Amino acid sequence: MAGPAGVFTHQEVFSSIYNTIKQVFKYVVAYTTHVPSFADEWGWVMASDSPFFIEEETMDKKIREMINGELLYLDGASFYSLTVLNKMVSSSLKNETHVYTEHNARFIHGQGVGKKDTI
């Protein structure tokens, strides 16, 4: 998981993580989907040094081979559609220059579970 990937949130960490992974791996694909509990699009990055192909028929075959029963959400066509990013996010990923390191990490700001209320 590479963080929020919505129109207004994708530059918090998603674009930076994508760019960092691009510096390490030869083949990189970003994909997003809406996650209702986060009230936003959420992004993932898949990477490899060997080419990988996301073909509908191949993915459907692998799902049938590996899953007992039927998935309610995912099939080859829907997974492929997750890799088609909107223009704003796609442009940001293409133009991102920040490389995520220990010394210049980006963070998603918020209270989180570590915040303690003081009286």
PDB file of N, CA and C in Angstrom:
ATOM      1  N   MET A   1       0.847  -1.157   0.000  1.00  0.00           N
ATOM      2  CA  MET A   1       0.000   0.000   0.000  1.00  0.00           C
ATOM      3  C   MET A   1       0.902   1.232   0.000  1.00  0.00           C
ATOM      4  N   ALA A   2       0.601   2.174  -0.869  1.00  0.00           N
ATOM      5  CA  ALA A   2       1.461   3.343  -1.018  1.00  0.00           C
ATOM      6  C   ALA A   2       0.772   4.647  -0.644  1.00  0.00           C
ATOM      7  N   GLY A   3      -0.364   4.585   0.038  1.00  0.00           N
ATOM      8  CA  GLY A   3      -0.982   5.789   0.562  1.00  0.00           C
ATOM      9  C   GLY A   3      -2.138   6.324  -0.237  1.00  0.00           C
ATOM     10  N   PRO A   4      -2.688   7.446   0.228  1.00  0.00           N
ATOM     11  CA  PRO A   4      -3.822   8.049  -0.463  1.00  0.00           C
ATOM     12  C   PRO A   4      -3.429   8.464  -1.875  1.00  0.00           C
ATOM     13  N   ALA A   5      -4.365   8.269  -2.806  1.00  0.00           N
ATOM     14  CA  ALA A   5      -4.046   8.521  -4.212  1.00  0.00           C
ATOM     15  C   ALA A   5      -5.144   9.306  -4.913  1.00  0.00           C
ATOM     16  N   GLY A   6      -5.905  10.074  -4.158  1.00  0.00           N
ATOM     17  CA  GLY A   6      -6.962  10.885  -4.746  1.00  0.00           C
ATOM     18  C   GLY A   6      -6.405  12.139  -5.396  1.00  0.00           C
ATOM     19  N   VAL A   7      -7.266  12.854  -6.065  1.00  0.00           N
ATOM     20  CA  VAL A   7      -6.861  14.078  -6.765  1.00  0.00           C
ATOM     21  C   VAL A   7      -6.178  15.059  -5.819  1.00  0.00           C
ATOM     22  N   PHE A   8      -6.687  15.209  -4.608  1.00  0.00           N
ATOM     23  CA  PHE A   8      -6.128  16.178  -3.670  1.00  0.00           C
ATOM     24  C   PHE A   8      -5.080  15.586  -2.723  1.00  0.00           C
ATOM     25  N   THR A   9      -4.927  14.262  -2.699  1.00  0.00           N
ATOM     26  CA  THR A   9      -4.065  13.637  -1.694  1.00  0.00           C
ATOM     27  C   THR A   9      -2.880  12.850  -2.251  1.00  0.00           C
ATOM     28  N   HIS A  10      -2.833  12.630  -3.549  1.00  0.00           N
ATOM     29  CA  HIS A  10      -1.827  11.719  -4.111  1.00  0.00           C
ATOM     30  C   HIS A  10      -0.384  12.200  -3.948  1.00  0.00           C
ATOM     31  N   GLN A  11      -0.174  13.484  -3.727  1.00  0.00           N
ATOM     32  CA  GLN A  11       1.197  13.978  -3.573  1.00  0.00           C
ATOM     33  C   GLN A  11       1.688  13.947  -2.128  1.00  0.00           C
ATOM     34  N   GLU A  12       0.840  13.504  -1.197  1.00  0.00           N
ATOM     35  CA  GLU A  12       1.283  13.383   0.190  1.00  0.00           C
ATOM     36  C   GLU A  12       2.413  12.354   0.283  1.00  0.00           C
ATOM     37  N   VAL A  13       2.168  11.127  -0.182  1.00  0.00           N
ATOM     38  CA  VAL A  13       3.210  10.094  -0.160  1.00  0.00           C
ATOM     39  C   VAL A  13       3.195   9.202  -1.404  1.00  0.00           C
ATOM     40  N   PHE A  14       2.050   9.026  -2.040  1.00  0.00           N
ATOM     41  CA  PHE A  14       1.908   8.086  -3.154  1.00  0.00           C
ATOM     42  C   PHE A  14       2.871   8.388  -4.302  1.00  0.00           C
ATOM     43  N   SER A  15       2.922   9.626  -4.750  1.00  0.00           N
ATOM     44  CA  SER A  15       3.791   9.956  -5.884  1.00  0.00           C
ATOM     45  C   SER A  15       5.263   9.762  -5.540  1.00  0.00           C
ATOM     46  N   SER A  16       5.633  10.071  -4.317  1.00  0.00           N
ATOM     47  CA  SER A  16       7.004   9.908  -3.869  1.00  0.00           C
ATOM     48  C   SER A  16       7.391   8.429  -3.754  1.00  0.00           C
ATOM     49  N   ILE A  17       6.502   7.628  -3.207  1.00  0.00           N
ATOM     50  CA  ILE A  17       6.772   6.194  -3.100  1.00  0.00           C
ATOM     51  C   ILE A  17       6.898   5.586  -4.497  1.00  0.00           C
ATOM     52  N   TYR A  18       5.999   5.962  -5.395  1.00  0.00           N
ATOM     53  CA  TYR A  18       6.069   5.470  -6.774  1.00  0.00           C
ATOM     54  C   TYR A  18       7.419   5.829  -7.402  1.00  0.00           C
ATOM     55  N   ASN A  19       7.826   7.082  -7.281  1.00  0.00           N
ATOM     56  CA  ASN A  19       9.089   7.513  -7.869  1.00  0.00           C
ATOM     57  C   ASN A  19      10.279   6.788  -7.241  1.00  0.00           C
ATOM     58  N   THR A  20      10.246   6.584  -5.953  1.00  0.00           N
ATOM     59  CA  THR A  20      11.337   5.886  -5.263  1.00  0.00           C
ATOM     60  C   THR A  20      11.457   4.456  -5.776  1.00  0.00           C
ATOM     61  N   ILE A  21      10.341   3.780  -5.898  1.00  0.00           N
ATOM     62  CA  ILE A  21      10.357   2.403  -6.386  1.00  0.00           C
ATOM     63  C   ILE A  21      10.834   2.351  -7.835  1.00  0.00           C
ATOM     64  N   LYS A  22      10.485   3.369  -8.624  1.00  0.00           N
ATOM     65  CA  LYS A  22      10.961   3.431 -10.015  1.00  0.00           C
ATOM     66  C   LYS A  22      12.483   3.510 -10.099  1.00  0.00           C
ATOM     67  N   GLN A  23      13.132   4.047  -9.077  1.00  0.00           N
ATOM     68  CA  GLN A  23      14.588   4.163  -9.072  1.00  0.00           C
ATOM     69  C   GLN A  23      15.254   2.808  -8.836  1.00  0.00           C
ATOM     70  N   VAL A  24      14.498   1.841  -8.315  1.00  0.00           N
ATOM     71  CA  VAL A  24      15.053   0.555  -7.909  1.00  0.00           C
ATOM     72  C   VAL A  24      14.687  -0.573  -8.877  1.00  0.00           C
ATOM     73  N   PHE A  25      13.465  -0.550  -9.385  1.00  0.00           N
ATOM     74  CA  PHE A  25      12.982  -1.641 -10.227  1.00  0.00           C
ATOM     75  C   PHE A  25      12.824  -1.192 -11.671  1.00  0.00           C
ATOM     76  N   LYS A  26      12.950  -2.151 -12.578  1.00  0.00           N
ATOM     77  CA  LYS A  26      12.861  -1.863 -14.007  1.00  0.00           C
ATOM     78  C   LYS A  26      11.409  -1.676 -14.476  1.00  0.00           C
ATOM     79  N   TYR A  27      10.492  -2.445 -13.911  1.00  0.00           N
ATOM     80  CA  TYR A  27       9.088  -2.394 -14.309  1.00  0.00           C
ATOM     81  C   TYR A  27       8.236  -2.007 -13.106  1.00  0.00           C
ATOM     82  N   VAL A  28       7.455  -0.950 -13.257  1.00  0.00           N
ATOM     83  CA  VAL A  28       6.662  -0.427 -12.144  1.00  0.00           C
ATOM     84  C   VAL A  28       5.269  -0.049 -12.659  1.00  0.00           C
ATOM     85  N   VAL A  29       4.249  -0.477 -11.931  1.00  0.00           N
ATOM     86  CA  VAL A  29       2.866  -0.138 -12.272  1.00  0.00           C
ATOM     87  C   VAL A  29       2.181   0.377 -11.013  1.00  0.00           C
ATOM     88  N   ALA A  30       1.547   1.520 -11.119  1.00  0.00           N
ATOM     89  CA  ALA A  30       0.747   2.075 -10.023  1.00  0.00           C
ATOM     90  C   ALA A  30      -0.713   1.755 -10.305  1.00  0.00           C
ATOM     91  N   TYR A  31      -1.464   1.505  -9.251  1.00  0.00           N
ATOM     92  CA  TYR A  31      -2.897   1.313  -9.411  1.00  0.00           C
ATOM     93  C   TYR A  31      -3.623   1.843  -8.184  1.00  0.00           C
ATOM     94  N   THR A  32      -4.880   2.188  -8.379  1.00  0.00           N
ATOM     95  CA  THR A  32      -5.666   2.798  -7.303  1.00  0.00           C
ATOM     96  C   THR A  32      -7.073   2.213  -7.282  1.00  0.00           C
ATOM     97  N   THR A  33      -7.699   2.360  -6.131  1.00  0.00           N
ATOM     98  CA  THR A  33      -9.112   2.035  -5.997  1.00  0.00           C
ATOM     99  C   THR A  33      -9.678   2.841  -4.833  1.00  0.00           C
ATOM    100  N   HIS A  34     -10.964   3.045  -4.865  1.00  0.00           N
ATOM    101  CA  HIS A  34     -11.617   3.760  -3.773  1.00  0.00           C
ATOM    102  C   HIS A  34     -11.728   2.833  -2.566  1.00  0.00           C
ATOM    103  N   VAL A  35     -11.336   3.331  -1.399  1.00  0.00           N
ATOM    104  CA  VAL A  35     -11.457   2.580  -0.153  1.00  0.00           C
ATOM    105  C   VAL A  35     -12.431   3.366   0.733  1.00  0.00           C
ATOM    106  N   PRO A  36     -13.661   2.897   0.847  1.00  0.00           N
ATOM    107  CA  PRO A  36     -14.680   3.657   1.581  1.00  0.00           C
ATOM    108  C   PRO A  36     -14.282   4.028   3.009  1.00  0.00           C
ATOM    109  N   SER A  37     -13.614   3.137   3.734  1.00  0.00           N
ATOM    110  CA  SER A  37     -13.265   3.457   5.122  1.00  0.00           C
ATOM    111  C   SER A  37     -12.223   4.561   5.216  1.00  0.00           C
ATOM    112  N   PHE A  38     -11.480   4.811   4.143  1.00  0.00           N
ATOM    113  CA  PHE A  38     -10.520   5.913   4.115  1.00  0.00           C
ATOM    114  C   PHE A  38     -11.110   7.143   3.417  1.00  0.00           C
ATOM    115  N   ALA A  39     -12.295   7.002   2.837  1.00  0.00           N
ATOM    116  CA  ALA A  39     -12.995   8.089   2.147  1.00  0.00           C
ATOM    117  C   ALA A  39     -12.127   8.728   1.062  1.00  0.00           C
ATOM    118  N   ASP A  40     -11.378   7.908   0.343  1.00  0.00           N
ATOM    119  CA  ASP A  40     -10.489   8.427  -0.708  1.00  0.00           C
ATOM    120  C   ASP A  40     -10.062   7.275  -1.608  1.00  0.00           C
ATOM    121  N   GLU A  41      -9.444   7.633  -2.719  1.00  0.00           N
ATOM    122  CA  GLU A  41      -8.736   6.652  -3.527  1.00  0.00           C
ATOM    123  C   GLU A  41      -7.488   6.255  -2.753  1.00  0.00           C
ATOM    124  N   TRP A  42      -7.077   5.013  -2.857  1.00  0.00           N
ATOM    125  CA  TRP A  42      -5.855   4.547  -2.208  1.00  0.00           C
ATOM    126  C   TRP A  42      -4.988   3.908  -3.274  1.00  0.00           C
ATOM    127  N   GLY A  43      -3.674   4.102  -3.165  1.00  0.00           N
ATOM    128  CA  GLY A  43      -2.777   3.631  -4.203  1.00  0.00           C
ATOM    129  C   GLY A  43      -1.857   2.516  -3.761  1.00  0.00           C
ATOM    130  N   TRP A  44      -1.492   1.711  -4.725  1.00  0.00           N
ATOM    131  CA  TRP A  44      -0.525   0.633  -4.555  1.00  0.00           C
ATOM    132  C   TRP A  44       0.477   0.724  -5.690  1.00  0.00           C
ATOM    133  N   VAL A  45       1.663   0.156  -5.463  1.00  0.00           N
ATOM    134  CA  VAL A  45       2.689   0.124  -6.499  1.00  0.00           C
ATOM    135  C   VAL A  45       3.180  -1.313  -6.605  1.00  0.00           C
ATOM    136  N   MET A  46       3.177  -1.840  -7.821  1.00  0.00           N
ATOM    137  CA  MET A  46       3.654  -3.177  -8.098  1.00  0.00           C
ATOM    138  C   MET A  46       4.936  -3.031  -8.915  1.00  0.00           C
ATOM    139  N   ALA A  47       5.990  -3.768  -8.540  1.00  0.00           N
ATOM    140  CA  ALA A  47       7.276  -3.590  -9.210  1.00  0.00           C
ATOM    141  C   ALA A  47       7.991  -4.921  -9.393  1.00  0.00           C
ATOM    142  N   SER A  48       8.839  -4.981 -10.418  1.00  0.00           N
ATOM    143  CA  SER A  48       9.595  -6.193 -10.704  1.00  0.00           C
ATOM    144  C   SER A  48      10.774  -5.843 -11.603  1.00  0.00           C
ATOM    145  N   ASP A  49      11.783  -6.680 -11.592  1.00  0.00           N
ATOM    146  CA  ASP A  49      12.873  -6.543 -12.558  1.00  0.00           C
ATOM    147  C   ASP A  49      12.599  -7.352 -13.817  1.00  0.00           C
ATOM    148  N   SER A  50      11.566  -8.164 -13.792  1.00  0.00           N
ATOM    149  CA  SER A  50      11.132  -8.920 -14.966  1.00  0.00           C
ATOM    150  C   SER A  50       9.804  -8.344 -15.442  1.00  0.00           C
ATOM    151  N   PRO A  51       9.598  -8.330 -16.743  1.00  0.00           N
ATOM    152  CA  PRO A  51       8.319  -7.793 -17.233  1.00  0.00           C
ATOM    153  C   PRO A  51       7.135  -8.604 -16.714  1.00  0.00           C
ATOM    154  N   PHE A  52       6.059  -7.925 -16.412  1.00  0.00           N
ATOM    155  CA  PHE A  52       4.834  -8.618 -16.049  1.00  0.00           C
ATOM    156  C   PHE A  52       3.707  -7.993 -16.848  1.00  0.00           C
ATOM    157  N   PHE A  53       2.757  -8.809 -17.175  1.00  0.00           N
ATOM    158  CA  PHE A  53       1.662  -8.365 -18.015  1.00  0.00           C
ATOM    159  C   PHE A  53       0.354  -8.544 -17.270  1.00  0.00           C
ATOM    160  N   ILE A  54      -0.474  -7.557 -17.374  1.00  0.00           N
ATOM    161  CA  ILE A  54      -1.772  -7.598 -16.712  1.00  0.00           C
ATOM    162  C   ILE A  54      -2.825  -7.757 -17.803  1.00  0.00           C
ATOM    163  N   GLU A  55      -2.995  -8.989 -18.222  1.00  0.00           N
ATOM    164  CA  GLU A  55      -3.984  -9.281 -19.262  1.00  0.00           C
ATOM    165  C   GLU A  55      -5.213  -9.885 -18.599  1.00  0.00           C
ATOM    166  N   GLU A  56      -6.366  -9.455 -19.048  1.00  0.00           N
ATOM    167  CA  GLU A  56      -7.612  -9.882 -18.425  1.00  0.00           C
ATOM    168  C   GLU A  56      -7.757 -11.395 -18.377  1.00  0.00           C
ATOM    169  N   GLU A  57      -7.557 -12.054 -19.507  1.00  0.00           N
ATOM    170  CA  GLU A  57      -7.764 -13.498 -19.579  1.00  0.00           C
ATOM    171  C   GLU A  57      -6.786 -14.250 -18.686  1.00  0.00           C
ATOM    172  N   THR A  58      -5.518 -13.818 -18.678  1.00  0.00           N
ATOM    173  CA  THR A  58      -4.510 -14.479 -17.848  1.00  0.00           C
ATOM    174  C   THR A  58      -4.844 -14.332 -16.376  1.00  0.00           C
ATOM    175  N   MET A  59      -5.256 -13.128 -15.966  1.00  0.00           N
ATOM    176  CA  MET A  59      -5.597 -12.911 -14.563  1.00  0.00           C
ATOM    177  C   MET A  59      -6.839 -13.714 -14.183  1.00  0.00           C
ATOM    178  N   ASP A  60      -7.830 -13.741 -15.039  1.00  0.00           N
ATOM    179  CA  ASP A  60      -9.025 -14.542 -14.755  1.00  0.00           C
ATOM    180  C   ASP A  60      -8.667 -16.017 -14.578  1.00  0.00           C
ATOM    181  N   LYS A  61      -7.776 -16.531 -15.415  1.00  0.00           N
ATOM    182  CA  LYS A  61      -7.340 -17.929 -15.315  1.00  0.00           C
ATOM    183  C   LYS A  61      -6.623 -18.171 -13.990  1.00  0.00           C
ATOM    184  N   LYS A  62      -5.728 -17.266 -13.598  1.00  0.00           N
ATOM    185  CA  LYS A  62      -4.990 -17.424 -12.333  1.00  0.00           C
ATOM    186  C   LYS A  62      -5.934 -17.357 -11.138  1.00  0.00           C
ATOM    187  N   ILE A  63      -6.916 -16.472 -11.194  1.00  0.00           N
ATOM    188  CA  ILE A  63      -7.895 -16.382 -10.109  1.00  0.00           C
ATOM    189  C   ILE A  63      -8.647 -17.708  -9.986  1.00  0.00           C
ATOM    190  N   ARG A  64      -9.089 -18.267 -11.113  1.00  0.00           N
ATOM    191  CA  ARG A  64      -9.812 -19.547 -11.081  1.00  0.00           C
ATOM    192  C   ARG A  64      -8.943 -20.664 -10.501  1.00  0.00           C
ATOM    193  N   GLU A  65      -7.636 -20.639 -10.840  1.00  0.00           N
ATOM    194  CA  GLU A  65      -6.724 -21.678 -10.354  1.00  0.00           C
ATOM    195  C   GLU A  65      -6.406 -21.534  -8.871  1.00  0.00           C
ATOM    196  N   MET A  66      -6.375 -20.318  -8.359  1.00  0.00           N
ATOM    197  CA  MET A  66      -5.880 -20.087  -7.000  1.00  0.00           C
ATOM    198  C   MET A  66      -6.966 -19.849  -5.953  1.00  0.00           C
ATOM    199  N   ILE A  67      -8.167 -19.506  -6.370  1.00  0.00           N
ATOM    200  CA  ILE A  67      -9.230 -19.140  -5.435  1.00  0.00           C
ATOM    201  C   ILE A  67     -10.346 -20.170  -5.501  1.00  0.00           C
ATOM    202  N   ASN A  68     -10.722 -20.685  -4.350  1.00  0.00           N
ATOM    203  CA  ASN A  68     -11.904 -21.545  -4.283  1.00  0.00           C
ATOM    204  C   ASN A  68     -13.119 -20.637  -4.174  1.00  0.00           C
ATOM    205  N   GLY A  69     -14.062 -20.800  -5.052  1.00  0.00           N
ATOM    206  CA  GLY A  69     -15.232 -19.936  -5.049  1.00  0.00           C
ATOM    207  C   GLY A  69     -15.040 -18.790  -6.025  1.00  0.00           C
ATOM    208  N   GLU A  70     -15.828 -17.760  -5.824  1.00  0.00           N
ATOM    209  CA  GLU A  70     -15.797 -16.623  -6.734  1.00  0.00           C
ATOM    210  C   GLU A  70     -15.519 -15.334  -5.979  1.00  0.00           C
ATOM    211  N   LEU A  71     -14.636 -14.502  -6.518  1.00  0.00           N
ATOM    212  CA  LEU A  71     -14.389 -13.191  -5.932  1.00  0.00           C
ATOM    213  C   LEU A  71     -15.560 -12.274  -6.269  1.00  0.00           C
ATOM    214  N   LEU A  72     -15.951 -11.443  -5.337  1.00  0.00           N
ATOM    215  CA  LEU A  72     -17.077 -10.545  -5.560  1.00  0.00           C
ATOM    216  C   LEU A  72     -16.664  -9.242  -6.224  1.00  0.00           C
ATOM    217  N   TYR A  73     -15.384  -8.850  -6.072  1.00  0.00           N
ATOM    218  CA  TYR A  73     -14.954  -7.542  -6.549  1.00  0.00           C
ATOM    219  C   TYR A  73     -13.990  -7.611  -7.726  1.00  0.00           C
ATOM    220  N   LEU A  74     -13.043  -8.507  -7.676  1.00  0.00           N
ATOM    221  CA  LEU A  74     -11.919  -8.463  -8.604  1.00  0.00           C
ATOM    222  C   LEU A  74     -12.007  -9.532  -9.681  1.00  0.00           C
ATOM    223  N   ASP A  75     -11.752  -9.108 -10.913  1.00  0.00           N
ATOM    224  CA  ASP A  75     -11.512 -10.010 -12.031  1.00  0.00           C
ATOM    225  C   ASP A  75     -10.476  -9.337 -12.922  1.00  0.00           C
ATOM    226  N   GLY A  76     -10.104  -9.976 -14.002  1.00  0.00           N
ATOM    227  CA  GLY A  76      -9.054  -9.436 -14.866  1.00  0.00           C
ATOM    228  C   GLY A  76      -9.361  -8.042 -15.394  1.00  0.00           C
ATOM    229  N   ALA A  77     -10.578  -7.853 -15.846  1.00  0.00           N
ATOM    230  CA  ALA A  77     -10.951  -6.547 -16.407  1.00  0.00           C
ATOM    231  C   ALA A  77     -10.937  -5.454 -15.341  1.00  0.00           C
ATOM    232  N   SER A  78     -11.466  -5.753 -14.151  1.00  0.00           N
ATOM    233  CA  SER A  78     -11.499  -4.721 -13.113  1.00  0.00           C
ATOM    234  C   SER A  78     -10.098  -4.400 -12.618  1.00  0.00           C
ATOM    235  N   PHE A  79      -9.212  -5.415 -12.518  1.00  0.00           N
ATOM    236  CA  PHE A  79      -7.844  -5.119 -12.086  1.00  0.00           C
ATOM    237  C   PHE A  79      -7.142  -4.239 -13.111  1.00  0.00           C
ATOM    238  N   TYR A  80      -7.280  -4.569 -14.381  1.00  0.00           N
ATOM    239  CA  TYR A  80      -6.660  -3.744 -15.423  1.00  0.00           C
ATOM    240  C   TYR A  80      -7.169  -2.304 -15.330  1.00  0.00           C
ATOM    241  N   SER A  81      -8.452  -2.131 -15.089  1.00  0.00           N
ATOM    242  CA  SER A  81      -9.012  -0.774 -15.022  1.00  0.00           C
ATOM    243  C   SER A  81      -8.421   0.029 -13.864  1.00  0.00           C
ATOM    244  N   LEU A  82      -7.983  -0.642 -12.789  1.00  0.00           N
ATOM    245  CA  LEU A  82      -7.387   0.054 -11.648  1.00  0.00           C
ATOM    246  C   LEU A  82      -6.048   0.702 -12.007  1.00  0.00           C
ATOM    247  N   THR A  83      -5.412   0.221 -13.068  1.00  0.00           N
ATOM    248  CA  THR A  83      -4.114   0.767 -13.480  1.00  0.00           C
ATOM    249  C   THR A  83      -4.252   1.976 -14.396  1.00  0.00           C
ATOM    250  N   VAL A  84      -5.475   2.313 -14.793  1.00  0.00           N
ATOM    251  CA  VAL A  84      -5.717   3.486 -15.631  1.00  0.00           C
ATOM    252  C   VAL A  84      -5.999   4.656 -14.693  1.00  0.00           C
ATOM    253  N   LEU A  85      -5.003   5.526 -14.542  1.00  0.00           N
ATOM    254  CA  LEU A  85      -5.092   6.622 -13.572  1.00  0.00           C
ATOM    255  C   LEU A  85      -5.626   7.883 -14.235  1.00  0.00           C
ATOM    256  N   ASN A  86      -6.269   8.747 -13.445  1.00  0.00           N
ATOM    257  CA  ASN A  86      -6.756  10.001 -14.014  1.00  0.00           C
ATOM    258  C   ASN A  86      -5.570  10.887 -14.411  1.00  0.00           C
ATOM    259  N   LYS A  87      -5.849  11.874 -15.213  1.00  0.00           N
ATOM    260  CA  LYS A  87      -4.791  12.717 -15.792  1.00  0.00           C
ATOM    261  C   LYS A  87      -3.943  13.403 -14.723  1.00  0.00           C
ATOM    262  N   MET A  88      -4.561  13.924 -13.672  1.00  0.00           N
ATOM    263  CA  MET A  88      -3.812  14.655 -12.658  1.00  0.00           C
ATOM    264  C   MET A  88      -2.823  13.736 -11.935  1.00  0.00           C
ATOM    265  N   VAL A  89      -3.284  12.577 -11.493  1.00  0.00           N
ATOM    266  CA  VAL A  89      -2.417  11.643 -10.773  1.00  0.00           C
ATOM    267  C   VAL A  89      -1.341  11.103 -11.709  1.00  0.00           C
ATOM    268  N   SER A  90      -1.724  10.732 -12.906  1.00  0.00           N
ATOM    269  CA  SER A  90      -0.766  10.213 -13.882  1.00  0.00           C
ATOM    270  C   SER A  90       0.349  11.224 -14.178  1.00  0.00           C
ATOM    271  N   SER A  91      -0.013  12.475 -14.360  1.00  0.00           N
ATOM    272  CA  SER A  91       0.978  13.528 -14.622  1.00  0.00           C
ATOM    273  C   SER A  91       1.901  13.723 -13.423  1.00  0.00           C
ATOM    274  N   SER A  92       1.336  13.690 -12.227  1.00  0.00           N
ATOM    275  CA  SER A  92       2.157  13.849 -11.020  1.00  0.00           C
ATOM    276  C   SER A  92       3.165  12.720 -10.878  1.00  0.00           C
ATOM    277  N   LEU A  93       2.731  11.487 -11.150  1.00  0.00           N
ATOM    278  CA  LEU A  93       3.654  10.359 -11.055  1.00  0.00           C
ATOM    279  C   LEU A  93       4.782  10.498 -12.075  1.00  0.00           C
ATOM    280  N   LYS A  94       4.427  10.947 -13.255  1.00  0.00           N
ATOM    281  CA  LYS A  94       5.423  11.107 -14.320  1.00  0.00           C
ATOM    282  C   LYS A  94       6.446  12.199 -13.975  1.00  0.00           C
ATOM    283  N   ASN A  95       5.998  13.243 -13.282  1.00  0.00           N
ATOM    284  CA  ASN A  95       6.864  14.394 -13.016  1.00  0.00           C
ATOM    285  C   ASN A  95       7.477  14.417 -11.614  1.00  0.00           C
ATOM    286  N   GLU A  96       7.153  13.442 -10.787  1.00  0.00           N
ATOM    287  CA  GLU A  96       7.672  13.426  -9.414  1.00  0.00           C
ATOM    288  C   GLU A  96       9.194  13.259  -9.416  1.00  0.00           C
ATOM    289  N   THR A  97       9.876  14.040  -8.568  1.00  0.00           N
ATOM    290  CA  THR A  97      11.338  13.952  -8.468  1.00  0.00           C
ATOM    291  C   THR A  97      11.793  13.528  -7.075  1.00  0.00           C
ATOM    292  N   HIS A  98      10.922  13.600  -6.085  1.00  0.00           N
ATOM    293  CA  HIS A  98      11.296  13.270  -4.712  1.00  0.00           C
ATOM    294  C   HIS A  98      11.559  11.775  -4.567  1.00  0.00           C
ATOM    295  N   VAL A  99      12.691  11.435  -3.965  1.00  0.00           N
ATOM    296  CA  VAL A  99      13.009  10.051  -3.633  1.00  0.00           C
ATOM    297  C   VAL A  99      12.898   9.923  -2.124  1.00  0.00           C
ATOM    298  N   TYR A 100      12.091   8.996  -1.692  1.00  0.00           N
ATOM    299  CA  TYR A 100      11.770   8.782  -0.282  1.00  0.00           C
ATOM    300  C   TYR A 100      12.957   8.118   0.414  1.00  0.00           C
ATOM    301  N   THR A 101      13.527   8.805   1.387  1.00  0.00           N
ATOM    302  CA  THR A 101      14.619   8.231   2.174  1.00  0.00           C
ATOM    303  C   THR A 101      14.332   8.431   3.655  1.00  0.00           C
ATOM    304  N   GLU A 102      15.150   7.845   4.476  1.00  0.00           N
ATOM    305  CA  GLU A 102      15.002   8.012   5.918  1.00  0.00           C
ATOM    306  C   GLU A 102      15.151   9.479   6.320  1.00  0.00           C
ATOM    307  N   HIS A 103      15.968  10.218   5.598  1.00  0.00           N
ATOM    308  CA  HIS A 103      16.267  11.604   5.969  1.00  0.00           C
ATOM    309  C   HIS A 103      15.306  12.636   5.382  1.00  0.00           C
ATOM    310  N   ASN A 104      14.540  12.267   4.361  1.00  0.00           N
ATOM    311  CA  ASN A 104      13.593  13.236   3.795  1.00  0.00           C
ATOM    312  C   ASN A 104      12.226  12.596   3.532  1.00  0.00           C
ATOM    313  N   ALA A 105      11.786  11.794   4.472  1.00  0.00           N
ATOM    314  CA  ALA A 105      10.519  11.081   4.335  1.00  0.00           C
ATOM    315  C   ALA A 105       9.340  12.055   4.360  1.00  0.00           C
ATOM    316  N   ARG A 106       8.327  11.719   3.594  1.00  0.00           N
ATOM    317  CA  ARG A 106       7.055  12.430   3.643  1.00  0.00           C
ATOM    318  C   ARG A 106       6.118  11.627   4.538  1.00  0.00           C
ATOM    319  N   PHE A 107       5.209  12.312   5.197  1.00  0.00           N
ATOM    320  CA  PHE A 107       4.283  11.651   6.100  1.00  0.00           C
ATOM    321  C   PHE A 107       2.861  12.093   5.808  1.00  0.00           C
ATOM    322  N   ILE A 108       1.918  11.226   6.143  1.00  0.00           N
ATOM    323  CA  ILE A 108       0.506  11.574   6.082  1.00  0.00           C
ATOM    324  C   ILE A 108       0.181  12.196   7.435  1.00  0.00           C
ATOM    325  N   HIS A 109      -0.196  13.444   7.423  1.00  0.00           N
ATOM    326  CA  HIS A 109      -0.424  14.161   8.676  1.00  0.00           C
ATOM    327  C   HIS A 109      -1.794  13.848   9.254  1.00  0.00           C
ATOM    328  N   GLY A 110      -1.845  13.805  10.557  1.00  0.00           N
ATOM    329  CA  GLY A 110      -3.089  13.524  11.256  1.00  0.00           C
ATOM    330  C   GLY A 110      -2.782  13.136  12.683  1.00  0.00           C
ATOM    331  N   GLN A 111      -3.799  12.868  13.440  1.00  0.00           N
ATOM    332  CA  GLN A 111      -3.607  12.554  14.850  1.00  0.00           C
ATOM    333  C   GLN A 111      -3.025  11.164  15.048  1.00  0.00           C
ATOM    334  N   GLY A 112      -3.533  10.185  14.365  1.00  0.00           N
ATOM    335  CA  GLY A 112      -3.040   8.825  14.535  1.00  0.00           C
ATOM    336  C   GLY A 112      -3.312   8.279  15.916  1.00  0.00           C
ATOM    337  N   VAL A 113      -2.827   7.081  16.182  1.00  0.00           N
ATOM    338  CA  VAL A 113      -3.074   6.455  17.470  1.00  0.00           C
ATOM    339  C   VAL A 113      -2.075   6.887  18.527  1.00  0.00           C
ATOM    340  N   GLY A 114      -1.013   7.552  18.152  1.00  0.00           N
ATOM    341  CA  GLY A 114       0.021   7.962  19.118  1.00  0.00           C
ATOM    342  C   GLY A 114      -0.303   9.243  19.848  1.00  0.00           C
ATOM    343  N   LYS A 115      -1.318   9.966  19.444  1.00  0.00           N
ATOM    344  CA  LYS A 115      -1.644  11.239  20.078  1.00  0.00           C
ATOM    345  C   LYS A 115      -2.322  10.988  21.413  1.00  0.00           C
ATOM    346  N   LYS A 116      -1.834  11.638  22.437  1.00  0.00           N
ATOM    347  CA  LYS A 116      -2.420  11.537  23.770  1.00  0.00           C
ATOM    348  C   LYS A 116      -3.055  12.869  24.135  1.00  0.00           C
ATOM    349  N   ASP A 117      -4.283  12.814  24.583  1.00  0.00           N
ATOM    350  CA  ASP A 117      -4.931  14.037  25.053  1.00  0.00           C
ATOM    351  C   ASP A 117      -4.379  14.396  26.423  1.00  0.00           C
ATOM    352  N   THR A 118      -4.052  15.639  26.583  1.00  0.00           N
ATOM    353  CA  THR A 118      -3.558  16.089  27.885  1.00  0.00           C
ATOM    354  C   THR A 118      -4.549  17.077  28.468  1.00  0.00           C
ATOM    355  N   ILE A 119      -4.642  17.081  29.765  1.00  0.00           N
ATOM    356  CA  ILE A 119      -5.573  17.990  30.445  1.00  0.00           C
ATOM    357  C   ILE A 119      -4.814  19.131  31.038  1.00  0.00           C
TER     358      ILE A 119
END
